[in-house]
């Protein structure tokens, strides 16, 4: 296999003058990850660490010169900049993975990220979900959309009724949406390379089919390999709209219509996932089933989304049997 030619991007060959790294190795490291999102975030996190070194430790002139103290300083700098513990841990994990790769290639002897104390993953700004009433109002608001507006309608219904992530929605292709045993299903490539098959609510399936029919009515056949959700226009390349939606477009769709529905707290596409989980839990669906459905590795992760049950009126204190007995006596 031929390695693609080098692009003019923020390459990690910080110490190329020593000949300690080259583009082929860089290509091997990043393209070993299946997810484009993982490749992008790892590149950004690792590059940020090297930029930090260049700015603050000018005496570091090679990979072998990087020590734990440099990683500790980087961690503390991230903390001082008020990054969430989860984000800091992700950045440290990305760099640790990179140094493990360098050890495997016999380029360094130890991983400077090892034994670094990592912050506890407390959620500083939890994802806000929507109540069932708010979602119902949102659906009623977009129910009248036709023509180009069907894209917005289909995106909103798909996110809220499947609980899939923004990246999973963007990467859905026509072949991933199909009928089996009288039920429409979607297949998504989830986090960690997991393959999930999810049942689509009949109302959502009908809206997706209506949206696809509208696209084809414009004279553009939707082939199995084509993305389902595509931009309605492309200012830079008007003739090229057979491409996945830009992540910012999904953000815009969710925020715009939630605002029109009178929802004024902080909302993102991930709020739809939190709402899906919260609503299912409220309805009495088993926690383990929900965890498997949304692709979580642990039910603990799913529990973190359960915002709706954090009500004072539902505190265990009101369920104490001995207090009830005292009241009744």
Protein backbone atom coordinates (compact mmCIF):
# COMPACT_ATOMS: atom_id res chain seq x y z
CA UNK A 1 0.00 0.00 0.00
CA UNK A 2 1.23 3.47 -0.88
CA UNK A 3 1.22 6.07 1.87
CA UNK A 4 -0.53 9.27 0.71
CA UNK A 5 1.65 12.25 -0.04
CA UNK A 6 2.32 14.63 2.83
CA UNK A 7 -0.22 17.42 3.27
CA UNK A 8 0.46 20.90 4.58
CA UNK A 9 -1.17 20.36 7.97
CA UNK A 10 -0.13 20.65 11.60
CA UNK A 11 2.23 17.68 11.45
CA UNK A 12 3.67 16.12 14.58
CA UNK A 13 7.21 16.03 13.20
CA UNK A 14 8.28 18.52 15.85
CA UNK A 15 11.73 17.05 16.10
CA UNK A 16 12.30 16.06 12.50
CA UNK A 17 15.72 17.73 12.57
CA UNK A 18 16.90 14.78 14.67
CA UNK A 19 15.43 12.31 12.26
CA UNK A 20 13.50 10.73 15.11
CA UNK A 21 10.16 10.66 13.35
CA UNK A 22 8.87 10.59 9.82
CA UNK A 23 5.64 10.91 7.94
CA UNK A 24 5.16 7.17 7.35
CA UNK A 25 5.23 6.49 11.08
CA UNK A 26 2.85 9.36 11.69
CA UNK A 27 0.51 7.95 9.05
CA UNK A 28 0.73 4.49 10.63
CA UNK A 29 -0.13 5.79 14.11
CA UNK A 30 -3.18 7.88 13.21
CA UNK A 31 -4.64 5.61 10.55
CA UNK A 32 -4.58 2.67 12.91
CA UNK A 33 -7.72 4.22 14.44
CA UNK A 34 -10.89 3.36 12.53
CA UNK A 35 -12.89 6.41 13.54
CA UNK A 36 -12.16 9.66 11.66
CA UNK A 37 -13.35 11.51 14.76
CA UNK A 38 -10.77 9.70 16.92
CA UNK A 39 -8.00 10.46 14.43
CA UNK A 40 -8.94 14.12 14.37
CA UNK A 41 -9.21 14.52 18.15
CA UNK A 42 -5.98 12.56 18.83
CA UNK A 43 -4.08 14.70 16.34
CA UNK A 44 -5.40 17.89 17.95
CA UNK A 45 -4.63 16.70 21.50
CA UNK A 46 -1.11 15.50 20.72
CA UNK A 47 -0.27 18.57 18.67
CA UNK A 48 -1.47 20.75 21.55
CA UNK A 49 0.96 19.00 23.89
CA UNK A 50 3.89 19.57 21.54
CA UNK A 51 2.92 23.20 21.04
CA UNK A 52 2.88 23.55 24.83
CA UNK A 53 6.41 22.10 25.00
CA UNK A 54 7.72 24.40 22.28
CA UNK A 55 6.31 27.42 24.08
CA UNK A 56 7.33 26.56 27.63
CA UNK A 57 10.27 24.14 27.46
CA UNK A 58 12.55 25.30 24.71
CA UNK A 59 15.32 22.98 25.93
CA UNK A 60 13.28 19.91 24.99
CA UNK A 61 14.76 18.99 21.64
CA UNK A 62 13.65 15.41 21.07
CA UNK A 63 11.24 12.71 22.16
CA UNK A 64 13.78 11.19 24.53
CA UNK A 65 14.07 14.54 26.34
CA UNK A 66 10.39 14.53 27.33
CA UNK A 67 9.94 13.66 31.01
CA UNK A 68 7.02 13.18 33.38
CA UNK A 69 7.50 16.70 34.72
CA UNK A 70 6.59 18.05 31.27
CA UNK A 71 3.37 16.04 31.20
CA UNK A 72 2.54 17.15 34.76
CA UNK A 73 3.05 20.77 33.71
CA UNK A 74 0.79 20.21 30.69
CA UNK A 75 -1.92 18.67 32.88
CA UNK A 76 -1.74 21.56 35.34
CA UNK A 77 -1.86 24.08 32.49
CA UNK A 78 -5.03 22.42 31.16
CA UNK A 79 -6.54 22.53 34.64
CA UNK A 80 -5.65 26.22 35.05
CA UNK A 81 -7.47 26.88 31.78
CA UNK A 82 -10.64 25.39 33.29
CA UNK A 83 -10.91 22.38 31.02
CA UNK A 84 -13.26 19.66 32.21
CA UNK A 85 -11.63 16.64 33.89
CA UNK A 86 -13.02 14.38 31.17
CA UNK A 87 -11.36 16.52 28.48
CA UNK A 88 -8.03 16.59 30.34
CA UNK A 89 -8.09 12.80 30.73
CA UNK A 90 -8.81 12.39 27.03
CA UNK A 91 -5.83 14.56 26.11
CA UNK A 92 -3.53 12.65 28.46
CA UNK A 93 -4.81 9.34 27.09
CA UNK A 94 -4.16 10.46 23.51
CA UNK A 95 -0.58 11.42 24.30
CA UNK A 96 -0.02 8.24 26.31
CA UNK A 97 -1.16 6.20 23.33
CA UNK A 98 1.27 8.09 21.11
CA UNK A 99 4.22 7.46 23.45
CA UNK A 100 3.33 3.77 23.69
CA UNK A 101 3.58 3.72 19.90
CA UNK A 102 7.04 5.32 20.05
CA UNK A 103 8.15 2.67 22.56
CA UNK A 104 6.89 -0.03 20.22
CA UNK A 105 9.06 1.51 17.47
CA UNK A 106 12.10 1.58 19.82
CA UNK A 107 12.28 5.35 19.60
CA UNK A 108 11.97 5.98 23.35
CA UNK A 109 12.47 3.83 26.44
CA UNK A 110 9.54 4.83 28.67
CA UNK A 111 6.16 6.52 28.52
CA UNK A 112 6.30 9.93 30.28
CA UNK A 113 2.51 9.81 30.72
CA UNK A 114 2.66 6.73 32.93
CA UNK A 115 1.89 7.19 36.62
CA UNK A 116 0.56 10.71 36.00
CA UNK A 117 -2.31 11.42 38.38
CA UNK A 118 -5.41 12.20 36.41
CA UNK A 119 -8.32 14.34 37.62
CA UNK A 120 -11.49 12.69 38.77
CA UNK A 121 -14.05 12.70 36.00
CA UNK A 122 -16.64 14.91 37.61
CA UNK A 123 -19.02 16.52 35.18
CA UNK A 124 -18.66 20.31 35.42
CA UNK A 125 -21.37 21.15 32.91
CA UNK A 126 -23.71 18.16 32.48
CA UNK A 127 -25.55 17.78 29.19
CA UNK A 128 -28.98 19.32 29.52
CA UNK A 129 -31.82 17.09 28.39
CA UNK A 130 -35.37 17.99 27.42
CA UNK A 131 -38.56 16.93 29.16
CA UNK A 132 -41.08 14.79 27.28
CA UNK A 133 -43.36 17.84 27.08
CA UNK A 134 -40.60 19.98 25.55
CA UNK A 135 -39.80 17.29 22.96
CA UNK A 136 -43.50 16.96 22.08
CA UNK A 137 -43.68 20.73 21.54
CA UNK A 138 -40.53 20.62 19.41
CA UNK A 139 -41.96 17.82 17.24
CA UNK A 140 -45.22 19.73 16.78
CA UNK A 141 -43.26 22.81 15.71
CA UNK A 142 -41.32 20.98 12.97
CA UNK A 143 -44.25 18.77 11.90
CA UNK A 144 -45.32 21.32 9.27
CA UNK A 145 -41.94 21.42 7.54
CA UNK A 146 -41.91 20.41 3.89
CA UNK A 147 -39.46 20.56 0.98
CA UNK A 148 -35.96 21.65 2.08
CA UNK A 149 -37.24 21.82 5.66
CA UNK A 150 -37.59 18.03 5.69
CA UNK A 151 -33.85 17.81 6.37
CA UNK A 152 -34.28 19.66 9.68
CA UNK A 153 -37.34 17.60 10.56
CA UNK A 154 -35.58 14.30 9.80
CA UNK A 155 -32.43 15.25 11.74
CA UNK A 156 -34.43 16.25 14.84
CA UNK A 157 -36.62 13.14 14.82
CA UNK A 158 -33.69 10.81 14.19
CA UNK A 159 -31.55 12.22 17.00
CA UNK A 160 -34.34 12.27 19.59
CA UNK A 161 -35.94 8.91 18.75
CA UNK A 162 -32.77 6.84 18.30
CA UNK A 163 -30.34 8.39 20.80
CA UNK A 164 -27.46 8.14 18.35
CA UNK A 165 -24.53 10.56 18.51
CA UNK A 166 -24.07 13.47 16.12
CA UNK A 167 -21.15 11.77 14.36
CA UNK A 168 -23.19 8.58 13.95
CA UNK A 169 -26.04 10.52 12.36
CA UNK A 170 -23.70 12.34 9.98
CA UNK A 171 -22.14 9.08 8.80
CA UNK A 172 -25.42 7.26 8.12
CA UNK A 173 -25.58 6.02 4.54
CA UNK A 174 -28.65 4.89 2.62
CA UNK A 175 -27.61 1.25 2.95
CA UNK A 176 -27.62 1.67 6.75
CA UNK A 177 -31.37 2.35 6.76
CA UNK A 178 -33.42 -0.70 5.75
CA UNK A 179 -36.56 -2.75 6.33
CA UNK A 180 -36.48 -6.12 8.10
CA UNK A 181 -39.43 -8.12 9.41
CA UNK A 182 -41.77 -5.14 8.98
CA UNK A 183 -39.48 -2.87 11.04
CA UNK A 184 -37.13 -0.18 9.79
CA UNK A 185 -33.63 -0.41 11.24
CA UNK A 186 -30.44 1.62 11.16
CA UNK A 187 -26.90 0.32 11.46
CA UNK A 188 -24.40 2.73 12.97
CA UNK A 189 -20.69 2.56 13.63
CA UNK A 190 -20.55 3.67 17.24
CA UNK A 191 -17.71 4.77 19.51
CA UNK A 192 -14.89 2.25 19.79
CA UNK A 193 -15.75 0.65 16.44
CA UNK A 194 -18.93 -0.98 17.79
CA UNK A 195 -21.58 -1.90 15.25
CA UNK A 196 -25.10 -1.16 16.50
CA UNK A 197 -28.39 -2.12 14.89
CA UNK A 198 -31.27 -0.02 16.20
CA UNK A 199 -35.01 -0.14 15.59
CA UNK A 200 -36.37 3.08 14.12
CA UNK A 201 -39.70 4.37 15.44
CA UNK A 202 -42.33 4.09 12.66
CA UNK A 203 -43.02 7.84 12.73
CA UNK A 204 -39.31 8.62 12.39
CA UNK A 205 -38.93 6.05 9.59
CA UNK A 206 -41.80 7.69 7.73
CA UNK A 207 -40.12 11.10 8.01
CA UNK A 208 -36.75 9.77 6.80
CA UNK A 209 -38.46 8.11 3.82
CA UNK A 210 -40.30 11.37 3.06
CA UNK A 211 -36.99 13.24 3.17
CA UNK A 212 -35.30 10.72 0.85
CA UNK A 213 -38.25 10.92 -1.56
CA UNK A 214 -37.93 14.70 -1.62
CA UNK A 215 -34.22 14.45 -2.50
CA UNK A 216 -34.99 12.03 -5.32
CA UNK A 217 -37.80 14.29 -6.57
CA UNK A 218 -35.09 16.85 -7.32
CA UNK A 219 -33.63 14.39 -9.82
CA UNK A 220 -30.85 13.04 -7.60
CA UNK A 221 -31.04 9.29 -6.95
CA UNK A 222 -29.92 8.32 -3.44
CA UNK A 223 -27.58 5.37 -3.94
CA UNK A 224 -26.78 2.83 -1.20
CA UNK A 225 -23.37 4.38 -0.51
CA UNK A 226 -24.70 7.95 -0.40
CA UNK A 227 -25.10 9.75 2.90
CA UNK A 228 -28.71 10.08 3.99
CA UNK A 229 -28.34 13.52 5.55
CA UNK A 230 -26.68 15.90 3.13
CA UNK A 231 -26.49 19.69 2.76
CA UNK A 232 -29.25 21.29 0.73
CA UNK A 233 -26.70 23.67 -0.79
CA UNK A 234 -22.93 24.08 -1.01
CA UNK A 235 -21.83 27.72 -1.52
CA UNK A 236 -18.21 26.73 -2.30
CA UNK A 237 -19.11 23.91 -4.70
CA UNK A 238 -22.76 24.31 -5.75
CA UNK A 239 -22.63 21.13 -7.82
CA UNK A 240 -21.33 19.03 -4.93
CA UNK A 241 -24.03 18.35 -2.34
CA UNK A 242 -23.61 14.57 -2.16
CA UNK A 243 -21.56 14.84 0.99
CA UNK A 244 -22.23 14.41 4.71
CA UNK A 245 -23.65 17.25 6.74
CA UNK A 246 -21.17 19.52 8.46
CA UNK A 247 -21.25 18.95 12.26
CA UNK A 248 -21.93 22.67 12.69
CA UNK A 249 -25.06 22.30 10.55
CA UNK A 250 -26.43 19.72 12.98
CA UNK A 251 -25.65 22.07 15.89
CA UNK A 252 -27.47 24.86 14.08
CA UNK A 253 -30.56 22.73 13.38
CA UNK A 254 -30.95 21.61 17.00
CA UNK A 255 -30.23 24.99 18.60
CA UNK A 256 -32.39 26.97 16.17
CA UNK A 257 -35.52 24.86 16.53
CA UNK A 258 -35.13 24.41 20.29
CA UNK A 259 -34.96 28.18 20.61
CA UNK A 260 -38.10 28.54 18.49
CA UNK A 261 -39.77 26.02 20.78
CA UNK A 262 -39.00 28.27 23.75
CA UNK A 263 -36.23 26.10 25.18
CA UNK A 264 -33.72 28.64 26.45
CA UNK A 265 -31.19 26.56 28.39
CA UNK A 266 -27.96 25.24 26.90
CA UNK A 267 -28.85 22.65 24.25
CA UNK A 268 -26.69 20.62 21.86
CA UNK A 269 -27.24 17.55 19.64
CA UNK A 270 -26.01 15.47 22.59
CA UNK A 271 -29.03 16.73 24.52
CA UNK A 272 -31.15 14.54 22.24
CA UNK A 273 -29.16 11.48 23.37
CA UNK A 274 -29.56 12.46 27.02
CA UNK A 275 -33.30 12.98 26.45
CA UNK A 276 -33.66 9.58 24.77
CA UNK A 277 -31.99 7.84 27.73
CA UNK A 278 -33.85 9.88 30.35
CA UNK A 279 -37.25 9.34 28.75
CA UNK A 280 -36.67 5.58 28.41
CA UNK A 281 -35.63 5.33 32.07
CA UNK A 282 -38.67 7.33 33.13
CA UNK A 283 -40.84 4.91 31.18
CA UNK A 284 -39.38 2.01 33.18
CA UNK A 285 -37.14 0.51 30.49
CA UNK A 286 -34.39 -1.64 32.02
CA UNK A 287 -31.13 0.26 32.52
CA UNK A 288 -29.03 -2.56 31.05
CA UNK A 289 -31.18 -2.71 27.89
CA UNK A 290 -30.81 1.03 27.39
CA UNK A 291 -27.05 0.84 27.97
CA UNK A 292 -26.70 -1.84 25.27
CA UNK A 293 -29.03 0.04 22.93
CA UNK A 294 -26.98 3.25 23.00
CA UNK A 295 -23.62 1.46 22.86
CA UNK A 296 -22.29 2.26 26.32
CA UNK A 297 -19.53 -0.01 27.61
CA UNK A 298 -20.87 0.31 31.16
CA UNK A 299 -24.25 0.98 32.74
CA UNK A 300 -22.45 3.56 34.91
CA UNK A 301 -22.07 5.73 31.83
CA UNK A 302 -25.78 5.40 31.08
CA UNK A 303 -26.64 6.35 34.66
CA UNK A 304 -24.75 9.63 34.24
CA UNK A 305 -27.38 10.66 31.66
CA UNK A 306 -30.24 10.13 34.08
CA UNK A 307 -30.91 13.78 34.91
CA UNK A 308 -34.66 13.42 35.35
CA UNK A 309 -34.55 11.39 38.55
CA UNK A 310 -32.39 13.86 40.39
CA UNK A 311 -35.40 15.46 42.09
CA UNK A 312 -35.56 16.40 45.76
CA UNK A 313 -39.02 14.90 46.05
CA UNK A 314 -37.58 11.51 45.04
CA UNK A 315 -34.87 11.47 47.70
CA UNK A 316 -34.49 8.10 49.48
CA UNK A 317 -35.23 9.92 52.74
CA UNK A 318 -38.94 9.94 51.85
CA UNK A 319 -38.92 6.17 51.39
CA UNK A 320 -37.51 5.23 54.80
CA UNK A 321 -39.75 2.52 56.19
CA UNK A 322 -39.10 3.30 59.84
CA UNK A 323 -40.11 6.93 59.32
CA UNK A 324 -43.35 5.87 57.68
CA UNK A 325 -44.07 3.50 60.56
CA UNK A 326 -43.49 6.30 63.05
CA UNK A 327 -45.88 8.58 61.20
CA UNK A 328 -48.61 5.93 61.06
CA UNK A 329 -48.38 5.00 64.79
